[in-house]
Amino acid sequence: MSGVMSFEVFSGGSVTFDLATCAKCKTKACVVACNVPNLACVLELKDNVPALKVTQEEAKRGACIECLACELACMTDGIGGITFSLPMPEWDELIAGAAARGETPGFQRR
C-alpha cells in the first residue's frame, strides 16, 4: 500500500494519512478513536488502512469535527501516519512577531 488519503475540513485545513505508514500500523488507533460514541465517526477501516466513510464534501462541510482524536491516538498508540494542517492565524502572527524581534520560537509549523 502506498499513497495518501487527504481531505479538507470545515476550518479550511486538511487531514492527510500516509497510507504506507498506516498499512504497517497494528493498532489502527485512529479508526478506533474516531468511532468512540459521540464523536463524528468519519473513519472506517478499508483494505487494512483508514478510509473516509463519508464523502470528501461531507467531511469538508463539517462531518469531521476536527477533534484531533485520530491524530492523538495515532501519535500515542499508532505509528504516526496522520498530519493535520489547520489554519492558525493568531499563532502565525505570534511566531512572525517573535522572529521580527530576533527571538527563536520553540515551535514552528512544518
C-alpha atoms as a PDB file:
ATOM      1  CA  MET A   1       0.000   0.000   0.000  1.00  0.00           C
ATOM      2  CA  SER A   2       1.317   3.416  -0.887  1.00  0.00           C
ATOM      3  CA  GLY A   3      -0.032   6.885  -1.382  1.00  0.00           C
ATOM      4  CA  VAL A   4      -2.024   9.246   0.754  1.00  0.00           C
ATOM      5  CA  MET A   5      -5.585   9.887   1.725  1.00  0.00           C
ATOM      6  CA  SER A   6      -6.229  13.566   2.238  1.00  0.00           C
ATOM      7  CA  PHE A   7      -9.371  15.573   2.814  1.00  0.00           C
ATOM      8  CA  GLU A   8     -10.274  19.155   3.604  1.00  0.00           C
ATOM      9  CA  VAL A   9     -12.101  20.111   6.786  1.00  0.00           C
ATOM     10  CA  PHE A  10     -14.518  22.889   7.705  1.00  0.00           C
ATOM     11  CA  SER A  11     -11.872  25.263   9.119  1.00  0.00           C
ATOM     12  CA  GLY A  12     -10.106  25.339   5.758  1.00  0.00           C
ATOM     13  CA  GLY A  13      -7.381  22.949   6.870  1.00  0.00           C
ATOM     14  CA  SER A  14      -6.709  19.410   5.813  1.00  0.00           C
ATOM     15  CA  VAL A  15      -6.058  15.945   7.205  1.00  0.00           C
ATOM     16  CA  THR A  16      -3.563  13.665   5.471  1.00  0.00           C
ATOM     17  CA  PHE A  17      -2.933   9.973   6.090  1.00  0.00           C
ATOM     18  CA  ASP A  18       0.291   8.347   4.862  1.00  0.00           C
ATOM     19  CA  LEU A  19      -1.235   5.042   3.783  1.00  0.00           C
ATOM     20  CA  ALA A  20       2.113   3.223   3.593  1.00  0.00           C
ATOM     21  CA  THR A  21       2.658   4.037   7.264  1.00  0.00           C
ATOM     22  CA  CYS A  22      -0.950   3.206   8.111  1.00  0.00           C
ATOM     23  CA  ALA A  23      -0.660  -0.206   6.445  1.00  0.00           C
ATOM     24  CA  LYS A  24       2.183  -1.096   8.845  1.00  0.00           C
ATOM     25  CA  CYS A  25       0.246   0.034  11.943  1.00  0.00           C
ATOM     26  CA  LYS A  26      -1.026  -2.852  14.042  1.00  0.00           C
ATOM     27  CA  THR A  27      -3.439  -0.882  16.254  1.00  0.00           C
ATOM     28  CA  LYS A  28      -5.339   1.265  13.722  1.00  0.00           C
ATOM     29  CA  ALA A  29      -5.803   3.528  16.754  1.00  0.00           C
ATOM     30  CA  CYS A  30      -7.056   6.420  14.633  1.00  0.00           C
ATOM     31  CA  VAL A  31     -10.087   4.459  13.434  1.00  0.00           C
ATOM     32  CA  VAL A  32     -10.837   3.269  16.966  1.00  0.00           C
ATOM     33  CA  ALA A  33     -10.596   6.837  18.326  1.00  0.00           C
ATOM     34  CA  CYS A  34     -12.797   8.302  15.601  1.00  0.00           C
ATOM     35  CA  ASN A  35     -15.503   5.751  16.294  1.00  0.00           C
ATOM     36  CA  VAL A  36     -15.884   6.431  20.013  1.00  0.00           C
ATOM     37  CA  PRO A  37     -19.528   7.260  20.808  1.00  0.00           C
ATOM     38  CA  ASN A  38     -20.407  10.958  20.415  1.00  0.00           C
ATOM     39  CA  LEU A  39     -17.572  11.725  18.014  1.00  0.00           C
ATOM     40  CA  ALA A  40     -18.009  12.347  14.310  1.00  0.00           C
ATOM     41  CA  CYS A  41     -17.211   8.776  13.236  1.00  0.00           C
ATOM     42  CA  VAL A  42     -15.914   9.647   9.770  1.00  0.00           C
ATOM     43  CA  LEU A  43     -13.198   6.958   9.574  1.00  0.00           C
ATOM     44  CA  GLU A  44     -13.503   3.285   8.826  1.00  0.00           C
ATOM     45  CA  LEU A  45     -11.014   0.549   8.053  1.00  0.00           C
ATOM     46  CA  LYS A  46     -10.921  -0.438   4.375  1.00  0.00           C
ATOM     47  CA  ASP A  47      -8.270  -2.705   2.863  1.00  0.00           C
ATOM     48  CA  ASN A  48      -6.372  -2.533   6.184  1.00  0.00           C
ATOM     49  CA  VAL A  49      -5.969   1.282   6.105  1.00  0.00           C
ATOM     50  CA  PRO A  50      -8.101   4.200   7.308  1.00  0.00           C
ATOM     51  CA  ALA A  51     -10.697   5.440   4.823  1.00  0.00           C
ATOM     52  CA  LEU A  52     -13.427   8.051   4.900  1.00  0.00           C
ATOM     53  CA  LYS A  53     -16.889   6.637   5.440  1.00  0.00           C
ATOM     54  CA  VAL A  54     -18.386   9.964   4.377  1.00  0.00           C
ATOM     55  CA  THR A  55     -17.768  11.797   1.119  1.00  0.00           C
ATOM     56  CA  GLN A  56     -14.952  14.313   0.803  1.00  0.00           C
ATOM     57  CA  GLU A  57     -17.584  17.041   0.506  1.00  0.00           C
ATOM     58  CA  GLU A  58     -19.342  15.914   3.709  1.00  0.00           C
ATOM     59  CA  ALA A  59     -16.011  15.939   5.563  1.00  0.00           C
ATOM     60  CA  LYS A  60     -15.332  19.471   4.290  1.00  0.00           C
ATOM     61  CA  ARG A  61     -18.807  20.662   5.327  1.00  0.00           C
ATOM     62  CA  GLY A  62     -18.210  19.566   8.919  1.00  0.00           C
ATOM     63  CA  ALA A  63     -18.741  15.807   9.169  1.00  0.00           C
ATOM     64  CA  CYS A  64     -15.178  15.677  10.514  1.00  0.00           C
ATOM     65  CA  ILE A  65     -15.401  17.820  13.635  1.00  0.00           C
ATOM     66  CA  GLU A  66     -11.617  18.347  13.788  1.00  0.00           C
ATOM     67  CA  CYS A  67     -11.447  16.984  17.335  1.00  0.00           C
ATOM     68  CA  LEU A  68      -7.903  15.643  16.684  1.00  0.00           C
ATOM     69  CA  ALA A  69      -8.749  12.349  18.437  1.00  0.00           C
ATOM     70  CA  CYS A  70      -7.428  10.350  15.477  1.00  0.00           C
ATOM     71  CA  GLU A  71      -4.140  12.274  15.404  1.00  0.00           C
ATOM     72  CA  LEU A  72      -3.599  11.960  19.152  1.00  0.00           C
ATOM     73  CA  ALA A  73      -4.393   8.228  19.068  1.00  0.00           C
ATOM     74  CA  CYS A  74      -2.053   7.784  16.109  1.00  0.00           C
ATOM     75  CA  MET A  75       0.764   9.594  17.935  1.00  0.00           C
ATOM     76  CA  THR A  76       0.302   7.707  21.206  1.00  0.00           C
ATOM     77  CA  ASP A  77      -0.904   4.251  20.167  1.00  0.00           C
ATOM     78  CA  GLY A  78      -0.188   4.135  16.432  1.00  0.00           C
ATOM     79  CA  ILE A  79       2.926   4.876  14.413  1.00  0.00           C
ATOM     80  CA  GLY A  80       2.464   8.482  13.301  1.00  0.00           C
ATOM     81  CA  GLY A  81       0.806   8.365   9.891  1.00  0.00           C
ATOM     82  CA  ILE A  82      -1.529  11.362  10.246  1.00  0.00           C
ATOM     83  CA  THR A  83      -0.832  15.043   9.640  1.00  0.00           C
ATOM     84  CA  PHE A  84      -3.358  17.758  10.447  1.00  0.00           C
ATOM     85  CA  SER A  85      -2.836  21.154   8.869  1.00  0.00           C
ATOM     86  CA  LEU A  86      -5.238  23.634  10.425  1.00  0.00           C
ATOM     87  CA  PRO A  87      -5.319  27.398   9.947  1.00  0.00           C
ATOM     88  CA  MET A  88      -3.997  29.211  12.999  1.00  0.00           C
ATOM     89  CA  PRO A  89      -3.660  32.888  12.030  1.00  0.00           C
ATOM     90  CA  GLU A  90      -3.102  34.071  15.609  1.00  0.00           C
ATOM     91  CA  TRP A  91      -0.276  31.552  16.054  1.00  0.00           C
ATOM     92  CA  ASP A  92       1.300  32.537  12.751  1.00  0.00           C
ATOM     93  CA  GLU A  93       1.149  36.201  13.815  1.00  0.00           C
ATOM     94  CA  LEU A  94       2.741  35.394  17.187  1.00  0.00           C
ATOM     95  CA  ILE A  95       5.595  33.478  15.536  1.00  0.00           C
ATOM     96  CA  ALA A  96       6.151  36.228  12.957  1.00  0.00           C
ATOM     97  CA  GLY A  97       6.320  38.811  15.753  1.00  0.00           C
ATOM     98  CA  ALA A  98       8.877  36.735  17.671  1.00  0.00           C
ATOM     99  CA  ALA A  99      11.000  36.337  14.557  1.00  0.00           C
ATOM    100  CA  ALA A 100      10.818  40.102  13.890  1.00  0.00           C
ATOM    101  CA  ARG A 101      12.161  40.698  17.405  1.00  0.00           C
ATOM    102  CA  GLY A 102      15.027  38.295  16.737  1.00  0.00           C
ATOM    103  CA  GLU A 103      13.600  35.626  19.037  1.00  0.00           C
ATOM    104  CA  THR A 104      13.740  31.960  18.131  1.00  0.00           C
ATOM    105  CA  PRO A 105      10.375  30.298  18.662  1.00  0.00           C
ATOM    106  CA  GLY A 106      10.350  26.910  20.330  1.00  0.00           C
ATOM    107  CA  PHE A 107       7.861  25.600  17.767  1.00  0.00           C
ATOM    108  CA  GLN A 108       7.409  26.233  14.078  1.00  0.00           C
ATOM    109  CA  ARG A 109       4.904  24.919  11.582  1.00  0.00           C
ATOM    110  CA  ARG A 110       6.050  22.192   9.224  1.00  0.00           C
END
